[in-house]
C-alpha atoms as a PDB file:
ATOM      1  CA  MET A   1      -3.419  -7.604  69.107  1.00  0.00           C
ATOM      2  CA  THR A   2      -1.550  -9.709  71.879  1.00  0.00           C
ATOM      3  CA  THR A   3       1.063  -8.375  73.209  1.00  0.00           C
ATOM      4  CA  GLU A   4       4.140 -11.073  75.310  1.00  0.00           C
ATOM      5  CA  ILE A   5       5.490  -9.701  78.971  1.00  0.00           C
ATOM      6  CA  GLY A   6       8.227 -11.137  78.774  1.00  0.00           C
ATOM      7  CA  ASN A   7       9.804  -9.715  82.840  1.00  0.00           C
ATOM      8  CA  LYS A   8       8.107  -9.470  86.710  1.00  0.00           C
ATOM      9  CA  ILE A   9       5.938  -6.635  87.055  1.00  0.00           C
ATOM     10  CA  VAL A  10       6.087  -4.663  89.460  1.00  0.00           C
ATOM     11  CA  GLY A  11       3.666  -2.145  88.960  1.00  0.00           C
ATOM     12  CA  TYR A  12       1.030  -0.379  86.473  1.00  0.00           C
ATOM     13  CA  GLU A  13      -1.259   3.061  85.838  1.00  0.00           C
ATOM     14  CA  VAL A  14      -4.188   3.373  83.651  1.00  0.00           C
ATOM     15  CA  VAL A  15      -4.087   5.024  80.680  1.00  0.00           C
ATOM     16  CA  LYS A  16      -7.740   6.882  79.480  1.00  0.00           C
ATOM     17  CA  ASP A  17      -8.474   6.914  76.147  1.00  0.00           C
ATOM     18  CA  GLU A  18      -8.195  10.882  74.962  1.00  0.00           C
ATOM     19  CA  PRO A  19     -11.795  12.025  73.660  1.00  0.00           C
ATOM     20  CA  GLN A  20     -11.113  12.680  69.428  1.00  0.00           C
ATOM     21  CA  PRO A  21     -12.053  15.376  68.192  1.00  0.00           C
ATOM     22  CA  ALA A  22     -15.523  16.319  66.194  1.00  0.00           C
ATOM     23  CA  GLN A  23     -14.705  16.391  62.196  1.00  0.00           C
ATOM     24  CA  SER A  24     -17.026  18.013  60.070  1.00  0.00           C
ATOM     25  CA  ASP A  25     -18.306  17.198  57.032  1.00  0.00           C
ATOM     26  CA  ALA A  26     -18.657  20.314  54.877  1.00  0.00           C
ATOM     27  CA  SER A  27     -21.213  18.465  52.970  1.00  0.00           C
ATOM     28  CA  ALA A  28     -23.781  18.202  56.433  1.00  0.00           C
ATOM     29  CA  LYS A  29     -26.754  20.139  55.866  1.00  0.00           C
ATOM     30  CA  VAL A  30     -27.883  22.049  59.444  1.00  0.00           C
ATOM     31  CA  ILE A  31     -30.906  21.945  60.108  1.00  0.00           C
ATOM     32  CA  HIS A  32     -32.621  24.837  62.066  1.00  0.00           C
ATOM     33  CA  MET A  33     -36.070  23.792  63.636  1.00  0.00           C
ATOM     34  CA  ARG A  34     -38.379  27.210  63.856  1.00  0.00           C
ATOM     35  CA  PRO A  35     -39.045  27.744  67.900  1.00  0.00           C
ATOM     36  CA  LEU A  36     -42.753  28.185  68.288  1.00  0.00           C
ATOM     37  CA  LEU A  37     -44.647  30.840  67.696  1.00  0.00           C
ATOM     38  CA  LYS A  38     -45.631  33.029  70.777  1.00  0.00           C
ATOM     39  CA  ARG A  39     -48.959  34.723  70.752  1.00  0.00           C
ATOM     40  CA  PRO A  40     -48.883  38.548  70.227  1.00  0.00           C
ATOM     41  CA  GLU A  41     -51.684  41.050  72.515  1.00  0.00           C
ATOM     42  CA  MET A  42     -53.706  40.851  69.489  1.00  0.00           C
ATOM     43  CA  LEU A  43     -54.533  38.957  66.236  1.00  0.00           C
ATOM     44  CA  GLU A  44     -56.131  39.434  62.954  1.00  0.00           C
ATOM     45  CA  GLY A  45     -58.397  36.272  61.309  1.00  0.00           C
ATOM     46  CA  GLY A  46     -61.829  35.652  60.415  1.00  0.00           C
ATOM     47  CA  THR A  47     -64.991  33.447  61.250  1.00  0.00           C
ATOM     48  CA  TYR A  48     -66.476  30.653  59.540  1.00  0.00           C
ATOM     49  CA  LYS A  49     -70.336  29.181  59.010  1.00  0.00           C
ATOM     50  CA  ILE A  50     -70.873  25.661  58.745  1.00  0.00           C
ATOM     51  CA  LYS A  51     -74.854  25.047  59.092  1.00  0.00           C
ATOM     52  CA  THR A  52     -75.660  21.194  58.510  1.00  0.00           C
ATOM     53  CA  PRO A  53     -77.951  18.963  57.782  1.00  0.00           C
ATOM     54  CA  LEU A  54     -76.991  16.934  60.976  1.00  0.00           C
ATOM     55  CA  SER A  55     -77.499  19.646  63.581  1.00  0.00           C
ATOM     56  CA  ASP A  56     -79.936  22.303  64.141  1.00  0.00           C
ATOM     57  CA  HIS A  57     -77.569  24.563  65.421  1.00  0.00           C
ATOM     58  CA  ALA A  58     -74.335  26.387  63.081  1.00  0.00           C
ATOM     59  CA  LEU A  59     -71.430  26.108  64.097  1.00  0.00           C
ATOM     60  CA  TYR A  60     -69.495  28.841  64.077  1.00  0.00           C
ATOM     61  CA  ILE A  61     -65.190  28.853  62.893  1.00  0.00           C
ATOM     62  CA  THR A  62     -62.730  31.352  64.043  1.00  0.00           C
ATOM     63  CA  ILE A  63     -58.864  31.116  62.656  1.00  0.00           C
ATOM     64  CA  ASN A  64     -56.678  33.403  64.217  1.00  0.00           C
ATOM     65  CA  ASP A  65     -53.301  34.607  62.029  1.00  0.00           C
ATOM     66  CA  VAL A  66     -49.313  35.682  63.316  1.00  0.00           C
ATOM     67  CA  VAL A  67     -47.228  37.780  60.745  1.00  0.00           C
ATOM     68  CA  ILE A  68     -44.083  35.905  60.353  1.00  0.00           C
ATOM     69  CA  ASP A  69     -41.128  37.627  59.341  1.00  0.00           C
ATOM     70  CA  GLU A  70     -42.691  41.487  59.900  1.00  0.00           C
ATOM     71  CA  GLY A  71     -40.731  43.374  57.631  1.00  0.00           C
ATOM     72  CA  THR A  72     -39.058  41.375  55.964  1.00  0.00           C
ATOM     73  CA  PRO A  73     -39.718  40.533  51.720  1.00  0.00           C
ATOM     74  CA  GLN A  74     -40.278  36.975  53.798  1.00  0.00           C
ATOM     75  CA  GLU A  75     -43.382  38.592  55.668  1.00  0.00           C
ATOM     76  CA  ARG A  76     -46.757  36.150  55.752  1.00  0.00           C
ATOM     77  CA  ARG A  77     -49.298  34.886  57.839  1.00  0.00           C
ATOM     78  CA  GLN A  78     -49.257  32.544  59.690  1.00  0.00           C
ATOM     79  CA  PRO A  79     -52.412  30.431  61.167  1.00  0.00           C
ATOM     80  CA  PHE A  80     -51.923  30.510  65.013  1.00  0.00           C
ATOM     81  CA  GLU A  81     -55.379  29.161  66.438  1.00  0.00           C
ATOM     82  CA  ILE A  82     -58.523  28.168  66.416  1.00  0.00           C
ATOM     83  CA  PHE A  83     -61.579  27.955  68.034  1.00  0.00           C
ATOM     84  CA  ILE A  84     -65.547  25.924  67.015  1.00  0.00           C
ATOM     85  CA  ASN A  85     -68.207  27.726  69.232  1.00  0.00           C
ATOM     86  CA  SER A  86     -71.539  25.705  69.264  1.00  0.00           C
ATOM     87  CA  LYS A  87     -75.164  25.701  70.852  1.00  0.00           C
ATOM     88  CA  ASN A  88     -75.039  22.542  70.600  1.00  0.00           C
ATOM     89  CA  MET A  89     -73.201  20.811  73.036  1.00  0.00           C
ATOM     90  CA  GLU A  90     -72.767  17.363  71.917  1.00  0.00           C
ATOM     91  CA  ASN A  91     -70.158  17.025  69.943  1.00  0.00           C
ATOM     92  CA  PHE A  92     -68.014  19.228  72.589  1.00  0.00           C
ATOM     93  CA  SER A  93     -65.545  17.077  73.481  1.00  0.00           C
ATOM     94  CA  TRP A  94     -63.953  15.441  70.418  1.00  0.00           C
ATOM     95  CA  ILE A  95     -64.518  19.584  69.299  1.00  0.00           C
ATOM     96  CA  VAL A  96     -62.006  20.747  72.054  1.00  0.00           C
ATOM     97  CA  ALA A  97     -59.433  18.326  71.263  1.00  0.00           C
ATOM     98  CA  LEU A  98     -59.557  18.883  67.795  1.00  0.00           C
ATOM     99  CA  THR A  99     -58.746  22.863  68.257  1.00  0.00           C
ATOM    100  CA  ARG A 100     -56.292  22.244  70.271  1.00  0.00           C
ATOM    101  CA  VAL A 101     -54.928  19.032  67.942  1.00  0.00           C
ATOM    102  CA  ILE A 102     -54.810  21.938  65.506  1.00  0.00           C
ATOM    103  CA  SER A 103     -53.986  24.454  67.306  1.00  0.00           C
ATOM    104  CA  ALA A 104     -50.711  23.366  68.588  1.00  0.00           C
ATOM    105  CA  VAL A 105     -49.805  22.184  65.122  1.00  0.00           C
ATOM    106  CA  PHE A 106     -50.326  25.587  63.830  1.00  0.00           C
ATOM    107  CA  ARG A 107     -48.043  27.436  66.435  1.00  0.00           C
ATOM    108  CA  GLY A 108     -45.148  24.754  65.266  1.00  0.00           C
ATOM    109  CA  GLY A 109     -44.596  27.187  62.491  1.00  0.00           C
ATOM    110  CA  GLY A 110     -44.274  24.649  59.090  1.00  0.00           C
ATOM    111  CA  ASP A 111     -46.773  23.608  56.454  1.00  0.00           C
ATOM    112  CA  THR A 112     -50.324  23.668  57.768  1.00  0.00           C
ATOM    113  CA  THR A 113     -51.521  22.698  54.851  1.00  0.00           C
ATOM    114  CA  PHE A 114     -51.103  18.527  55.134  1.00  0.00           C
ATOM    115  CA  LEU A 115     -54.266  18.778  58.030  1.00  0.00           C
ATOM    116  CA  VAL A 116     -56.116  19.979  54.578  1.00  0.00           C
ATOM    117  CA  GLU A 117     -56.826  16.961  53.031  1.00  0.00           C
ATOM    118  CA  GLU A 118     -56.252  14.854  56.347  1.00  0.00           C
ATOM    119  CA  LEU A 119     -59.314  16.656  57.439  1.00  0.00           C
ATOM    120  CA  ARG A 120     -60.550  15.989  54.803  1.00  0.00           C
ATOM    121  CA  ALA A 121     -59.838  11.497  54.081  1.00  0.00           C
ATOM    122  CA  VAL A 122     -62.126  11.528  57.139  1.00  0.00           C
ATOM    123  CA  PHE A 123     -65.990   9.323  56.775  1.00  0.00           C
ATOM    124  CA  ASP A 124     -68.531   9.369  59.185  1.00  0.00           C
ATOM    125  CA  PRO A 125     -69.059   5.319  58.880  1.00  0.00           C
ATOM    126  CA  ARG A 126     -73.279   6.881  59.782  1.00  0.00           C
ATOM    127  CA  GLY A 127     -73.176   8.832  56.596  1.00  0.00           C
ATOM    128  CA  GLY A 128     -72.365  12.209  54.901  1.00  0.00           C
ATOM    129  CA  TYR A 129     -75.157  15.391  53.784  1.00  0.00           C
ATOM    130  CA  TYR A 130     -74.789  17.237  50.349  1.00  0.00           C
ATOM    131  CA  LYS A 131     -74.634  21.009  50.120  1.00  0.00           C
ATOM    132  CA  PRO A 132     -76.074  23.412  48.809  1.00  0.00           C
ATOM    133  CA  GLY A 133     -75.708  23.021  45.178  1.00  0.00           C
ATOM    134  CA  GLY A 134     -74.386  19.473  45.410  1.00  0.00           C
ATOM    135  CA  LYS A 135     -71.158  19.592  46.920  1.00  0.00           C
ATOM    136  CA  TYR A 136     -70.872  16.203  48.784  1.00  0.00           C
ATOM    137  CA  MET A 137     -69.346  16.618  52.443  1.00  0.00           C
ATOM    138  CA  PRO A 138     -68.088  12.527  54.047  1.00  0.00           C
ATOM    139  CA  SER A 139     -68.489  13.732  57.726  1.00  0.00           C
ATOM    140  CA  LEU A 140     -68.472  17.293  59.956  1.00  0.00           C
ATOM    141  CA  VAL A 141     -64.499  17.092  59.721  1.00  0.00           C
ATOM    142  CA  ALA A 142     -64.261  16.517  56.689  1.00  0.00           C
ATOM    143  CA  GLU A 143     -66.214  19.777  56.478  1.00  0.00           C
ATOM    144  CA  ILE A 144     -64.041  21.802  59.929  1.00  0.00           C
ATOM    145  CA  GLY A 145     -61.575  20.891  56.600  1.00  0.00           C
ATOM    146  CA  GLU A 146     -62.482  22.932  53.874  1.00  0.00           C
ATOM    147  CA  VAL A 147     -63.247  25.435  55.980  1.00  0.00           C
ATOM    148  CA  ILE A 148     -59.566  25.284  56.690  1.00  0.00           C
ATOM    149  CA  GLU A 149     -58.428  24.715  53.963  1.00  0.00           C
ATOM    150  CA  LYS A 150     -60.825  28.673  52.473  1.00  0.00           C
ATOM    151  CA  HIS A 151     -58.842  30.543  55.404  1.00  0.00           C
ATOM    152  CA  LEU A 152     -55.676  29.011  53.456  1.00  0.00           C
ATOM    153  CA  LYS A 153     -56.451  30.468  50.308  1.00  0.00           C
ATOM    154  CA  LYS A 154     -57.678  33.287  51.707  1.00  0.00           C
ATOM    155  CA  ILE A 155     -53.979  34.351  53.165  1.00  0.00           C
ATOM    156  CA  GLY A 156     -51.732  33.543  50.357  1.00  0.00           C
ATOM    157  CA  LEU A 157     -50.835  29.308  51.714  1.00  0.00           C
ATOM    158  CA  ILE A 158     -52.408  27.950  48.405  1.00  0.00           C
ATOM    159  CA  GLU A 159     -53.297  28.644  45.624  1.00  0.00           C
ATOM    160  CA  ALA A 160     -56.726  28.343  44.803  1.00  0.00           C
ATOM    161  CA  PRO A 161     -57.396  26.216  41.665  1.00  0.00           C
ATOM    162  CA  GLU A 162     -59.215  28.416  38.849  1.00  0.00           C
ATOM    163  CA  VAL A 163     -62.657  27.615  37.765  1.00  0.00           C
ATOM    164  CA  SER A 164     -63.690  27.382  34.358  1.00  0.00           C
ATOM    165  CA  GLU A 165     -66.850  30.216  33.462  1.00  0.00           C
ATOM    166  CA  GLU A 166     -68.411  26.852  32.522  1.00  0.00           C
ATOM    167  CA  LEU A 167     -68.529  25.559  35.547  1.00  0.00           C
ATOM    168  CA  LYS A 168     -69.681  28.525  37.370  1.00  0.00           C
ATOM    169  CA  ALA A 169     -73.048  28.641  34.741  1.00  0.00           C
ATOM    170  CA  LYS A 170     -73.497  24.357  35.683  1.00  0.00           C
ATOM    171  CA  ARG A 171     -73.096  25.167  39.404  1.00  0.00           C
ATOM    172  CA  GLU A 172     -75.551  28.174  39.584  1.00  0.00           C
ATOM    173  CA  LYS A 173     -78.570  25.893  37.514  1.00  0.00           C
ATOM    174  CA  ALA A 174     -77.501  23.286  40.336  1.00  0.00           C
ATOM    175  CA  VAL A 175     -78.693  25.610  42.639  1.00  0.00           C
ATOM    176  CA  SER A 176     -81.192  26.987  41.606  1.00  0.00           C
ATOM    177  CA  GLU A 177     -83.122  24.071  40.343  1.00  0.00           C
ATOM    178  CA  GLY A 178     -82.838  22.614  43.959  1.00  0.00           C
ATOM    179  CA  LEU A 179     -80.275  19.637  42.549  1.00  0.00           C
ATOM    180  CA  SER A 180     -77.898  17.862  44.802  1.00  0.00           C
ATOM    181  CA  GLY A 181     -75.816  14.728  43.532  1.00  0.00           C
ATOM    182  CA  GLY A 182     -76.176  11.869  43.627  1.00  0.00           C
ATOM    183  CA  LYS A 183     -73.675  10.310  42.618  1.00  0.00           C
ATOM    184  CA  GLN A 184     -69.598   9.577  42.560  1.00  0.00           C
ATOM    185  CA  CYS A 185     -67.158  10.871  39.929  1.00  0.00           C
ATOM    186  CA  PRO A 186     -64.569   8.574  38.518  1.00  0.00           C
ATOM    187  CA  LYS A 187     -62.799  12.101  38.757  1.00  0.00           C
ATOM    188  CA  CYS A 188     -62.272  13.292  41.930  1.00  0.00           C
ATOM    189  CA  SER A 189     -64.520  10.502  44.280  1.00  0.00           C
ATOM    190  CA  GLN A 190     -66.780  13.258  45.418  1.00  0.00           C
ATOM    191  CA  MET A 191     -70.625  12.806  45.260  1.00  0.00           C
ATOM    192  CA  SER A 192     -70.779  15.591  43.640  1.00  0.00           C
ATOM    193  CA  VAL A 193     -71.987  14.017  40.130  1.00  0.00           C
ATOM    194  CA  VAL A 194     -75.891  15.668  38.963  1.00  0.00           C
ATOM    195  CA  ARG A 195     -78.324  15.470  35.778  1.00  0.00           C
ATOM    196  CA  LEU A 196     -77.601  18.351  33.644  1.00  0.00           C
ATOM    197  CA  ASP A 197     -79.288  18.892  30.320  1.00  0.00           C
ATOM    198  CA  GLY A 198     -79.275  15.234  30.255  1.00  0.00           C
ATOM    199  CA  CYS A 199     -76.220  14.659  30.726  1.00  0.00           C
ATOM    200  CA  ASP A 200     -74.283  13.594  34.426  1.00  0.00           C
ATOM    201  CA  THR A 201     -71.662  16.539  34.983  1.00  0.00           C
ATOM    202  CA  CYS A 202     -69.491  16.401  38.399  1.00  0.00           C
ATOM    203  CA  LEU A 203     -70.055  20.285  39.996  1.00  0.00           C
ATOM    204  CA  GLU A 204     -66.833  20.102  42.098  1.00  0.00           C
ATOM    205  CA  CYS A 205     -64.115  19.473  38.570  1.00  0.00           C
ATOM    206  CA  GLY A 206     -66.489  19.663  36.186  1.00  0.00           C
ATOM    207  CA  TYR A 207     -65.813  15.788  34.805  1.00  0.00           C
ATOM    208  CA  SER A 208     -68.911  15.602  32.024  1.00  0.00           C
ATOM    209  CA  LYS A 209     -69.791  12.529  29.937  1.00  0.00           C
ATOM    210  CA  CYS A 210     -70.736  14.555  27.681  1.00  0.00           C
ATOM    211  CA  GLY A 211     -67.556  16.225  27.060  1.00  0.00           C
END
Protein backbone atom coordinates (compact mmCIF):
# COMPACT_ATOMS: atom_id res chain seq x y z
CA MET A 1 0.00 0.00 0.00
CA THR A 2 1.40 3.47 -0.98
CA THR A 3 1.23 6.40 1.53
CA GLU A 4 1.58 9.98 0.27
CA ILE A 5 3.65 12.40 2.49
CA GLY A 6 2.50 16.05 2.13
CA ASN A 7 4.69 17.75 4.78
CA LYS A 8 8.45 18.22 5.08
CA ILE A 9 10.30 15.36 6.77
CA VAL A 10 12.22 16.67 9.85
CA GLY A 11 13.07 13.33 11.50
CA TYR A 12 12.46 9.60 11.45
CA GLU A 13 12.25 6.60 13.73
CA VAL A 14 12.80 2.90 12.92
CA VAL A 15 9.94 0.75 14.15
CA LYS A 16 10.53 -3.00 14.42
CA ASP A 17 7.78 -5.54 13.92
CA GLU A 18 6.84 -7.26 17.17
CA PRO A 19 7.21 -11.05 17.03
CA GLN A 20 3.89 -12.79 16.80
CA PRO A 21 3.12 -15.48 19.40
CA ALA A 22 3.17 -18.98 18.04
CA GLN A 23 -0.23 -20.30 17.18
CA SER A 24 -1.06 -23.68 18.65
CA ASP A 25 -2.88 -26.21 16.58
CA ALA A 26 -4.87 -28.54 18.76
CA SER A 27 -5.00 -31.10 15.96
CA ALA A 28 -1.22 -31.19 15.50
CA LYS A 29 0.42 -34.44 16.62
CA VAL A 30 3.54 -34.23 18.75
CA ILE A 31 6.07 -36.96 17.99
CA HIS A 32 8.39 -37.81 20.85
CA MET A 33 11.66 -39.40 19.77
CA ARG A 34 13.00 -42.13 22.05
CA PRO A 35 16.63 -41.42 23.05
CA LEU A 36 19.34 -43.86 22.03
CA LEU A 37 19.45 -46.88 24.28
CA LYS A 38 22.28 -46.96 26.82
CA ARG A 39 24.21 -50.14 27.45
CA PRO A 40 23.71 -51.73 30.90
CA GLU A 41 26.58 -53.50 32.63
CA MET A 42 25.17 -56.92 31.72
CA LEU A 43 23.08 -58.07 28.76
CA GLU A 44 21.40 -61.36 27.91
CA GLY A 45 21.38 -62.77 24.42
CA GLY A 46 22.01 -65.77 22.21
CA THR A 47 24.75 -67.10 19.96
CA TYR A 48 23.97 -68.77 16.63
CA LYS A 49 26.27 -70.87 14.45
CA ILE A 50 26.37 -70.54 10.67
CA LYS A 51 28.22 -73.16 8.61
CA THR A 52 28.24 -72.59 4.87
CA PRO A 53 29.99 -74.29 1.94
CA LEU A 54 31.66 -70.94 1.25
CA SER A 55 34.21 -71.45 4.04
CA ASP A 56 35.82 -74.20 6.09
CA HIS A 57 35.22 -72.15 9.23
CA ALA A 58 31.85 -71.44 10.84
CA LEU A 59 30.53 -68.01 11.76
CA TYR A 60 29.24 -67.36 15.27
CA ILE A 61 26.62 -64.61 15.55
CA THR A 62 25.88 -63.19 19.00
CA ILE A 63 22.88 -60.90 19.54
CA ASN A 64 22.47 -59.25 22.94
CA ASP A 65 19.21 -57.71 24.17
CA VAL A 66 18.21 -54.88 26.49
CA VAL A 67 14.94 -54.74 28.45
CA ILE A 68 12.66 -51.82 27.52
CA ASP A 69 10.06 -50.35 29.91
CA GLU A 70 11.08 -52.77 32.65
CA GLY A 71 8.48 -53.30 35.35
CA THR A 72 5.58 -52.04 33.23
CA PRO A 73 2.94 -53.87 31.16
CA GLN A 74 4.88 -52.75 28.07
CA GLU A 75 8.07 -54.53 29.18
CA ARG A 76 9.83 -56.24 26.29
CA ARG A 77 13.24 -57.27 25.05
CA GLN A 78 14.90 -55.27 22.29
CA PRO A 79 18.11 -56.21 20.39
CA PHE A 80 20.97 -53.94 21.41
CA GLU A 81 24.10 -55.19 19.66
CA ILE A 82 25.39 -57.88 17.33
CA PHE A 83 28.81 -59.51 17.02
CA ILE A 84 30.05 -61.90 14.31
CA ASN A 85 33.19 -63.96 14.88
CA SER A 86 35.03 -66.49 12.73
CA LYS A 87 38.51 -67.91 12.16
CA ASN A 88 38.09 -66.95 8.51
CA MET A 89 39.43 -63.39 8.13
CA GLU A 90 38.55 -63.09 4.43
CA ASN A 91 35.35 -61.11 5.06
CA PHE A 92 36.55 -59.35 8.23
CA SER A 93 36.25 -55.73 7.03
CA TRP A 94 32.70 -55.83 5.68
CA ILE A 95 31.49 -57.99 8.58
CA VAL A 96 32.79 -55.43 11.09
CA ALA A 97 31.09 -52.64 9.11
CA LEU A 98 27.83 -54.61 8.94
CA THR A 99 27.76 -55.36 12.67
CA ARG A 100 28.39 -51.71 13.56
CA VAL A 101 25.59 -50.50 11.31
CA ILE A 102 23.13 -53.12 12.58
CA SER A 103 24.05 -52.39 16.21
CA ALA A 104 23.46 -48.67 15.59
CA VAL A 105 19.98 -49.47 14.25
CA PHE A 106 19.28 -51.67 17.29
CA ARG A 107 20.25 -48.88 19.69
CA GLY A 108 17.84 -46.49 18.01
CA GLY A 109 15.11 -48.25 19.96
CA GLY A 110 12.60 -48.31 17.09
CA ASP A 111 11.27 -51.05 14.84
CA THR A 112 14.18 -53.26 13.74
CA THR A 113 12.22 -55.98 11.95
CA PHE A 114 12.80 -54.32 8.56
CA LEU A 115 16.45 -55.44 8.74
CA VAL A 116 15.37 -59.02 8.11
CA GLU A 117 13.89 -58.38 4.67
CA GLU A 118 16.67 -55.96 3.70
CA LEU A 119 19.41 -58.48 4.47
CA ARG A 120 17.58 -61.49 3.03
CA ALA A 121 17.17 -59.63 -0.25
CA VAL A 122 20.96 -59.43 -0.79
CA PHE A 123 22.14 -61.74 -3.60
CA ASP A 124 25.76 -62.78 -4.11
CA PRO A 125 26.78 -62.23 -7.77
CA ARG A 126 28.91 -65.40 -7.52
CA GLY A 127 25.82 -67.42 -6.59
CA GLY A 128 24.30 -68.68 -3.36
CA TYR A 129 24.20 -72.10 -1.71
CA TYR A 130 21.82 -74.67 -0.29
CA LYS A 131 21.34 -75.43 3.37
CA PRO A 132 20.54 -78.93 4.65
CA GLY A 133 16.94 -79.67 3.76
CA GLY A 134 17.05 -77.83 0.45
CA LYS A 135 16.63 -74.22 1.55
CA TYR A 136 18.43 -71.85 -0.79
CA MET A 137 20.48 -68.97 0.58
CA PRO A 138 21.26 -66.27 -2.00
CA SER A 139 24.21 -64.96 0.04
CA LEU A 140 25.97 -65.07 3.39
CA VAL A 141 24.39 -61.70 4.22
CA ALA A 142 20.96 -63.23 3.59
CA GLU A 143 21.70 -65.99 6.11
CA ILE A 144 22.77 -63.38 8.67
CA GLY A 145 19.37 -61.80 8.07
CA GLU A 146 17.74 -65.17 8.69
CA VAL A 147 19.58 -65.49 12.00
CA ILE A 148 18.34 -62.05 13.06
CA GLU A 149 14.82 -63.13 12.10
CA LYS A 150 15.19 -66.27 14.24
CA HIS A 151 16.31 -64.18 17.20
CA LEU A 152 13.47 -61.65 16.79
CA LYS A 153 11.00 -64.54 16.76
CA LYS A 154 12.61 -65.92 19.91
CA ILE A 155 12.11 -62.67 21.86
CA GLY A 156 8.62 -62.08 20.45
CA LEU A 157 9.19 -59.16 18.07
CA ILE A 158 8.21 -61.29 15.06
CA GLU A 159 5.43 -63.86 15.11
CA ALA A 160 6.57 -67.21 13.75
CA PRO A 161 4.30 -68.55 10.99
CA GLU A 162 2.67 -71.85 11.72
CA VAL A 163 4.15 -74.84 9.88
CA SER A 164 1.75 -77.65 9.09
CA GLU A 165 2.57 -81.21 10.12
CA GLU A 166 2.50 -82.18 6.45
CA LEU A 167 5.22 -79.66 5.57
CA LYS A 168 7.30 -80.72 8.58
CA ALA A 169 7.15 -84.32 7.37
CA LYS A 170 8.23 -83.29 3.87
CA ARG A 171 11.20 -81.35 5.23
CA GLU A 172 12.28 -84.32 7.36
CA LYS A 173 11.99 -86.66 4.39
CA ALA A 174 14.04 -84.30 2.21
CA VAL A 175 16.81 -84.21 4.84
CA SER A 176 16.82 -88.00 5.24
CA GLU A 177 17.01 -88.54 1.48
CA GLY A 178 19.70 -85.88 1.03
CA LEU A 179 17.60 -83.77 -1.33
CA SER A 180 18.47 -80.15 -2.07
CA GLY A 181 16.46 -77.55 -3.91
CA GLY A 182 17.00 -76.99 -7.59
CA LYS A 183 14.08 -74.91 -8.79
CA GLN A 184 12.65 -71.57 -7.80
CA CYS A 185 9.27 -71.62 -6.13
CA PRO A 186 6.64 -69.58 -8.02
CA LYS A 187 4.96 -68.70 -4.71
CA CYS A 188 7.78 -67.69 -2.31
CA SER A 189 10.65 -67.28 -4.84
CA GLN A 190 12.96 -69.53 -2.79
CA MET A 191 15.13 -72.07 -4.60
CA SER A 192 13.55 -74.81 -2.51
CA VAL A 193 11.51 -76.91 -4.93
CA VAL A 194 12.45 -80.61 -4.82
CA ARG A 195 10.95 -83.78 -6.23
CA LEU A 196 9.12 -85.69 -3.51
CA ASP A 197 6.88 -88.68 -4.19
CA GLY A 198 6.78 -87.82 -7.89
CA CYS A 199 5.69 -84.22 -7.31
CA ASP A 200 7.54 -80.89 -7.22
CA THR A 201 7.27 -79.53 -3.67
CA CYS A 202 8.60 -76.34 -2.07
CA LEU A 203 10.24 -77.05 1.28
CA GLU A 204 10.00 -73.41 2.28
CA CYS A 205 6.31 -72.58 1.93
CA GLY A 206 4.77 -75.98 1.07
CA TYR A 207 3.69 -75.09 -2.48
CA SER A 208 3.03 -78.15 -4.64
CA LYS A 209 1.73 -78.66 -8.14
CA CYS A 210 -0.12 -81.71 -6.86
CA GLY A 211 -2.14 -79.63 -4.42
